[in-house]
């Protein structure tokens, strides 16, 4: 029994340490109509501009989108209410390589097609530094939807 305790401590230390291959990003968004009211992703007031998912953009200086190229996975987040408020969130795994990137959002229709800026306005991607093992919070973004007449 005395030899078992050091082994359990060693196993706890080994299994408790998580090795990350990169950094992660957390981003939140609120959907607002052009009337300045908050709406849910599938609100009938949004008409054909209902948002099914939001895709993260992680652009290198050369213009490569790490999400689109598959170098970073899990970049799409289902647009649903999970926090009991009008704020929605998504978090990537810790797989984004260290470096500086322009990070942004693209709202997707039910068919998975990106909306043009004329229908849903999104902020421009923001420059952010990603470091291995760290979670970078990108803040809360407003997606402004042109409401159907």
Foldseek 3Di string as FASTA:
>chain_A
DVVVVVVVVVVCVVVVDDFFQWFKEKEKEFEAEPVRDTDAQPDCQLPQRRFQKKFKFWADPVGDTCDVVVQFDPRIDGRGDDPPDRMDMDMGGRRDHWDKTFMWMFTAGPVRHTDDCVFKNWDGTDIDTIGGPYYHYPYYTYIYGHTDD
